[in-house]
């Protein structure tokens, strides 16, 4: 029974590592001094002015992806 558990643990660890590598490999948004959603001026290190803009940006990006359009 221990062998089966060890094998399963290795499979799970490999899947988690693969998923993390895929997410880390995607290019992210680069802060540019303005909100990526509403263009409000921001501190240089920020990408969105608030949580609502971040969520709305992600919703629109997901909708574009589902429609087959580039983000």
N, C-alpha and C. Protein backbone atom coordinates (compact mmCIF):
# COMPACT_ATOMS: atom_id res chain seq x y z
N UNK A 1 0.81 -1.19 0.00
CA UNK A 1 0.00 0.00 0.00
C UNK A 1 0.86 1.26 0.00
N UNK A 2 1.99 1.21 0.71
CA UNK A 2 2.87 2.37 0.78
C UNK A 2 3.41 2.73 -0.60
N UNK A 3 3.74 1.73 -1.43
CA UNK A 3 4.25 1.99 -2.77
C UNK A 3 3.23 2.76 -3.60
N UNK A 4 1.98 2.39 -3.51
CA UNK A 4 0.92 3.07 -4.25
C UNK A 4 0.79 4.52 -3.80
N UNK A 5 0.86 4.74 -2.52
CA UNK A 5 0.78 6.11 -1.98
C UNK A 5 1.98 6.93 -2.43
N UNK A 6 3.17 6.34 -2.40
CA UNK A 6 4.38 7.05 -2.83
C UNK A 6 4.30 7.41 -4.31
N UNK A 7 3.83 6.48 -5.14
CA UNK A 7 3.69 6.76 -6.57
C UNK A 7 2.68 7.87 -6.82
N UNK A 8 1.57 7.81 -6.12
CA UNK A 8 0.54 8.84 -6.26
C UNK A 8 1.07 10.20 -5.83
N UNK A 9 1.82 10.22 -4.74
CA UNK A 9 2.41 11.47 -4.26
C UNK A 9 3.36 12.07 -5.29
N UNK A 10 4.15 11.23 -5.94
CA UNK A 10 5.07 11.70 -6.97
C UNK A 10 4.31 12.26 -8.18
N UNK A 11 3.23 11.61 -8.56
CA UNK A 11 2.41 12.08 -9.68
C UNK A 11 1.80 13.44 -9.36
N UNK A 12 1.27 13.57 -8.17
CA UNK A 12 0.66 14.84 -7.76
C UNK A 12 1.71 15.95 -7.73
N UNK A 13 2.88 15.68 -7.18
CA UNK A 13 3.94 16.68 -7.12
C UNK A 13 4.38 17.10 -8.51
N UNK A 14 4.45 16.15 -9.44
CA UNK A 14 4.83 16.47 -10.82
C UNK A 14 3.78 17.35 -11.49
N UNK A 15 2.49 17.04 -11.27
CA UNK A 15 1.42 17.85 -11.85
C UNK A 15 1.43 19.28 -11.29
N UNK A 16 1.64 19.41 -10.01
CA UNK A 16 1.71 20.74 -9.39
C UNK A 16 2.90 21.51 -9.97
N UNK A 17 4.04 20.87 -10.09
CA UNK A 17 5.22 21.53 -10.65
C UNK A 17 4.98 21.97 -12.09
N UNK A 18 4.32 21.11 -12.87
CA UNK A 18 4.01 21.46 -14.27
C UNK A 18 3.07 22.66 -14.34
N UNK A 19 2.07 22.67 -13.49
CA UNK A 19 1.12 23.79 -13.47
C UNK A 19 1.78 25.09 -13.06
N UNK A 20 2.62 25.04 -12.04
CA UNK A 20 3.33 26.24 -11.61
C UNK A 20 4.26 26.76 -12.70
N UNK A 21 4.95 25.86 -13.39
CA UNK A 21 5.85 26.27 -14.46
C UNK A 21 5.06 26.94 -15.60
N UNK A 22 3.88 26.43 -15.89
CA UNK A 22 3.06 27.02 -16.96
C UNK A 22 2.62 28.43 -16.58
N UNK A 23 2.22 28.61 -15.34
CA UNK A 23 1.77 29.93 -14.89
C UNK A 23 2.93 30.91 -14.83
N UNK A 24 4.05 30.47 -14.33
CA UNK A 24 5.22 31.35 -14.22
C UNK A 24 5.78 31.72 -15.58
N UNK A 25 5.56 30.88 -16.58
CA UNK A 25 6.09 31.15 -17.91
C UNK A 25 5.28 32.16 -18.70
N UNK A 26 4.07 32.46 -18.25
CA UNK A 26 3.24 33.43 -18.97
C UNK A 26 3.73 34.84 -18.70
N UNK A 27 3.75 35.67 -19.73
CA UNK A 27 4.14 37.06 -19.48
C UNK A 27 3.06 37.78 -18.67
N UNK A 28 3.48 38.58 -17.74
CA UNK A 28 2.54 39.31 -16.90
C UNK A 28 2.42 40.76 -17.32
N UNK A 29 1.52 41.45 -16.69
CA UNK A 29 1.36 42.87 -16.95
C UNK A 29 2.52 43.63 -16.31
N UNK A 30 3.06 44.57 -17.04
CA UNK A 30 4.15 45.38 -16.53
C UNK A 30 3.58 46.70 -16.03
N UNK A 31 3.90 47.10 -14.80
CA UNK A 31 3.43 48.40 -14.31
C UNK A 31 3.98 49.52 -15.19
N UNK A 32 3.12 50.49 -15.52
CA UNK A 32 3.56 51.59 -16.38
C UNK A 32 3.07 52.95 -15.90
N UNK A 33 2.71 53.06 -14.63
CA UNK A 33 2.32 54.35 -14.08
C UNK A 33 0.85 54.70 -14.22
N UNK A 34 0.06 53.79 -14.79
CA UNK A 34 -1.38 54.02 -14.93
C UNK A 34 -2.10 52.69 -14.79
N UNK A 35 -3.34 52.75 -14.35
CA UNK A 35 -4.16 51.55 -14.21
C UNK A 35 -4.35 50.90 -15.58
N UNK A 36 -4.17 49.60 -15.66
CA UNK A 36 -4.33 48.89 -16.94
C UNK A 36 -5.78 48.83 -17.39
N UNK A 37 -6.71 49.15 -16.49
CA UNK A 37 -8.13 49.08 -16.86
C UNK A 37 -8.70 50.47 -17.15
N UNK A 38 -8.49 51.42 -16.24
CA UNK A 38 -9.14 52.73 -16.40
C UNK A 38 -8.16 53.87 -16.69
N UNK A 39 -6.88 53.60 -16.77
CA UNK A 39 -5.83 54.58 -17.07
C UNK A 39 -5.66 55.68 -16.03
N UNK A 40 -6.14 55.46 -14.81
CA UNK A 40 -5.92 56.42 -13.73
C UNK A 40 -4.44 56.41 -13.36
N UNK A 41 -3.83 57.58 -13.15
CA UNK A 41 -2.41 57.62 -12.77
C UNK A 41 -2.17 56.87 -11.46
N UNK A 42 -1.05 56.13 -11.42
CA UNK A 42 -0.72 55.31 -10.26
C UNK A 42 0.75 55.46 -9.90
N UNK A 43 1.09 54.95 -8.72
CA UNK A 43 2.50 54.84 -8.34
C UNK A 43 3.17 53.89 -9.33
N UNK A 44 4.45 54.06 -9.58
CA UNK A 44 5.13 53.27 -10.62
C UNK A 44 5.05 51.75 -10.46
N UNK A 45 4.92 51.24 -9.25
CA UNK A 45 4.95 49.80 -9.05
C UNK A 45 3.57 49.13 -9.15
N UNK A 46 2.50 49.91 -9.25
CA UNK A 46 1.15 49.35 -9.26
C UNK A 46 0.66 49.11 -10.68
N UNK A 47 -0.23 48.12 -10.82
CA UNK A 47 -0.82 47.82 -12.13
C UNK A 47 -2.28 48.22 -12.22
N UNK A 48 -2.99 48.22 -11.07
CA UNK A 48 -4.41 48.58 -11.03
C UNK A 48 -4.64 49.53 -9.87
N UNK A 49 -5.65 50.40 -10.01
CA UNK A 49 -5.92 51.38 -8.96
C UNK A 49 -6.70 50.78 -7.80
N UNK A 50 -7.47 49.72 -8.06
CA UNK A 50 -8.20 49.05 -6.98
C UNK A 50 -8.59 47.64 -7.42
N UNK A 51 -9.20 46.93 -6.51
CA UNK A 51 -9.57 45.53 -6.77
C UNK A 51 -10.64 45.44 -7.86
N UNK A 52 -11.54 46.40 -7.90
CA UNK A 52 -12.61 46.37 -8.90
C UNK A 52 -12.03 46.45 -10.32
N UNK A 53 -11.07 47.34 -10.53
CA UNK A 53 -10.45 47.46 -11.85
C UNK A 53 -9.71 46.17 -12.21
N UNK A 54 -9.01 45.59 -11.24
CA UNK A 54 -8.30 44.34 -11.49
C UNK A 54 -9.28 43.24 -11.89
N UNK A 55 -10.37 43.11 -11.14
CA UNK A 55 -11.36 42.07 -11.42
C UNK A 55 -12.02 42.29 -12.78
N UNK A 56 -12.37 43.54 -13.08
CA UNK A 56 -13.00 43.85 -14.37
C UNK A 56 -12.04 43.56 -15.53
N UNK A 57 -10.77 43.89 -15.35
CA UNK A 57 -9.77 43.60 -16.37
C UNK A 57 -9.68 42.09 -16.62
N UNK A 58 -9.62 41.31 -15.54
CA UNK A 58 -9.53 39.86 -15.67
C UNK A 58 -10.78 39.27 -16.31
N UNK A 59 -11.96 39.82 -15.99
CA UNK A 59 -13.20 39.34 -16.60
C UNK A 59 -13.21 39.61 -18.10
N UNK A 60 -12.79 40.80 -18.50
CA UNK A 60 -12.75 41.12 -19.93
C UNK A 60 -11.73 40.26 -20.66
N UNK A 61 -10.59 40.05 -20.05
CA UNK A 61 -9.57 39.21 -20.66
C UNK A 61 -10.07 37.78 -20.83
N UNK A 62 -10.76 37.25 -19.82
CA UNK A 62 -11.31 35.90 -19.91
C UNK A 62 -12.37 35.82 -21.00
N UNK A 63 -13.20 36.84 -21.13
CA UNK A 63 -14.23 36.85 -22.16
C UNK A 63 -13.59 36.89 -23.56
N UNK A 64 -12.55 37.69 -23.72
CA UNK A 64 -11.85 37.74 -25.01
C UNK A 64 -11.21 36.40 -25.33
N UNK A 65 -10.64 35.76 -24.34
CA UNK A 65 -10.02 34.45 -24.55
C UNK A 65 -11.06 33.42 -24.97
N UNK A 66 -12.23 33.42 -24.31
CA UNK A 66 -13.30 32.50 -24.68
C UNK A 66 -13.79 32.75 -26.10
N UNK A 67 -13.77 34.02 -26.52
CA UNK A 67 -14.23 34.37 -27.85
C UNK A 67 -13.17 34.13 -28.92
N UNK A 68 -11.96 33.76 -28.48
CA UNK A 68 -10.89 33.48 -29.44
C UNK A 68 -10.15 34.70 -29.90
N UNK A 69 -10.32 35.80 -29.19
CA UNK A 69 -9.62 37.04 -29.56
C UNK A 69 -8.40 37.21 -28.66
N UNK A 70 -7.36 37.83 -29.19
CA UNK A 70 -6.18 38.08 -28.35
C UNK A 70 -6.50 39.12 -27.29
N UNK A 71 -5.82 39.01 -26.14
CA UNK A 71 -6.03 39.93 -25.03
C UNK A 71 -5.54 41.27 -25.32
